[in-house]
Protein backbone atom coordinates (compact mmCIF):
# COMPACT_ATOMS: atom_id res chain seq x y z
CA MET A 1 -6.73 1.21 -12.18
CA THR A 2 -3.48 3.10 -12.64
CA THR A 3 -0.27 3.11 -10.65
CA THR A 4 2.66 5.50 -10.47
CA VAL A 5 5.94 5.09 -8.63
CA ALA A 6 8.03 7.84 -7.09
CA SER A 7 10.78 8.18 -4.54
CA GLN A 8 10.14 10.56 -1.67
CA ASP A 9 12.16 11.14 1.51
CA GLY A 10 13.95 7.80 1.15
CA ALA A 11 10.77 5.79 0.61
CA THR A 12 9.33 4.31 -2.56
CA VAL A 13 5.75 5.53 -3.00
CA LEU A 14 3.32 3.53 -5.12
CA THR A 15 0.24 5.64 -5.83
CA VAL A 16 -2.81 3.65 -6.87
CA ALA A 17 -5.92 5.20 -8.44
CA GLY A 18 -9.25 3.73 -9.52
CA GLU A 19 -10.79 0.40 -8.58
CA VAL A 20 -8.80 -2.48 -7.13
CA ASP A 21 -10.85 -5.61 -7.74
CA LEU A 22 -10.46 -9.15 -9.03
CA ALA A 23 -9.69 -7.87 -12.53
CA THR A 24 -7.09 -5.26 -11.53
CA ALA A 25 -5.46 -6.89 -8.49
CA PRO A 26 -2.95 -8.88 -10.61
CA ALA A 27 -1.67 -5.64 -12.17
CA LEU A 28 -1.26 -4.13 -8.70
CA GLU A 29 0.59 -7.25 -7.57
CA SER A 30 2.94 -7.00 -10.58
CA SER A 31 3.69 -3.35 -9.82
CA ILE A 32 4.47 -4.16 -6.20
CA GLU A 33 6.58 -7.19 -7.18
CA ALA A 34 8.73 -5.01 -9.45
CA ILE A 35 9.27 -2.53 -6.61
CA LEU A 36 10.12 -5.20 -4.03
CA ASN A 37 12.65 -6.77 -6.40
CA GLY A 38 14.63 -3.56 -5.97
CA LYS A 39 14.67 -4.13 -2.19
CA PRO A 40 13.61 -0.64 -1.04
CA ALA A 41 14.01 0.15 2.65
CA ALA A 42 10.45 1.47 2.78
CA LEU A 43 7.39 1.10 0.56
CA ILE A 44 4.31 3.26 0.93
CA ILE A 45 1.22 2.10 -0.95
CA ASP A 46 -0.95 5.18 -1.34
CA LEU A 47 -4.60 4.18 -1.80
CA SER A 48 -6.05 7.65 -1.25
CA ALA A 49 -7.21 7.82 -4.90
CA VAL A 50 -8.76 4.32 -4.84
CA SER A 51 -12.54 4.40 -5.25
CA PHE A 52 -13.14 0.69 -4.56
CA LEU A 53 -11.02 -1.88 -2.72
CA ALA A 54 -12.20 -5.48 -3.06
CA SER A 55 -10.98 -8.46 -1.08
CA ALA A 56 -8.62 -9.32 -3.95
CA GLY A 57 -6.87 -5.99 -3.39
CA MET A 58 -6.63 -6.59 0.35
CA ALA A 59 -5.13 -10.03 -0.38
CA VAL A 60 -2.44 -8.32 -2.47
CA LEU A 61 -1.62 -6.04 0.48
CA VAL A 62 -1.30 -9.03 2.83
CA ALA A 63 0.91 -10.89 0.34
CA THR A 64 3.05 -7.75 -0.03
CA HIS A 65 3.52 -7.54 3.72
CA GLN A 66 4.51 -11.21 3.88
CA ARG A 67 6.89 -11.01 0.93
CA ALA A 68 8.59 -7.85 2.20
CA GLY A 69 9.45 -9.52 5.50
CA ASP A 70 11.98 -7.63 7.55
CA SER A 71 13.86 -6.17 4.58
CA THR A 72 11.23 -3.61 3.49
CA ALA A 73 9.01 -1.62 5.83
CA ILE A 74 5.46 -1.34 4.48
CA ALA A 75 2.89 1.37 5.13
CA VAL A 76 -0.48 2.02 3.51
CA VAL A 77 -2.21 5.36 3.00
CA ALA A 78 -5.96 4.90 3.19
CA ASP A 79 -8.53 7.51 4.03
CA GLY A 80 -12.24 7.32 3.51
CA PRO A 81 -14.90 4.65 3.26
CA ALA A 82 -13.57 2.99 0.09
CA THR A 83 -10.30 1.93 1.71
CA SER A 84 -9.66 2.63 5.38
CA ARG A 85 -12.99 1.22 6.53
CA GLN A 86 -12.31 -2.18 4.92
CA LEU A 87 -8.77 -2.30 6.29
CA ARG A 88 -10.01 -1.58 9.80
CA MET A 89 -12.99 -3.95 9.60
CA THR A 90 -10.70 -6.81 8.57
CA ASN A 91 -8.05 -5.84 11.17
CA LEU A 92 -5.47 -5.34 8.44
CA ASP A 93 -4.60 -2.05 10.14
CA GLN A 94 -3.06 -4.32 12.80
CA VAL A 95 -0.92 -6.11 10.18
CA PHE A 96 0.72 -3.06 8.63
CA ALA A 97 0.80 0.64 9.40
CA VAL A 98 -2.20 2.51 7.98
CA HIS A 99 -2.03 6.30 7.74
CA SER A 100 -4.61 8.83 6.61
CA THR A 101 -2.12 10.90 4.56
CA LEU A 102 1.11 10.37 2.65
CA GLU A 103 2.76 12.94 4.88
CA ALA A 104 1.84 10.91 7.98
CA ALA A 105 3.23 7.73 6.41
CA LEU A 106 6.50 9.46 5.54
CA ALA A 107 6.72 10.88 9.06
CA GLY A 108 6.16 7.39 10.46
CA PHE A 109 9.29 6.17 8.67
CA ARG A 110 11.31 9.22 9.70
CA ASP A 111 10.36 8.68 13.36
CA ARG A 112 11.67 5.11 13.44
């Protein structure tokens, strides 16, 4: 798993690629922790390049949502069977905003 961080349209975008499982979830959590310490107004976690999302990865997303609270808006980009299906099946799409593209996630923050 690899992660990259960029700033785009006022949001911090964390792009994740590869497999997010029990072995890699702690690294994802560390990346997110470092971002949240900077108190961004908006964080988009882009999972569109993730080929496998295990329950450990979903737990990291839930913990991120809880830790961010009201200070950082969270959105997730997930499209395809490896990511969006699991998020919808577990109703996590009801916990945080899930978009099919990065552009849609950015537009969601602009429309607030």
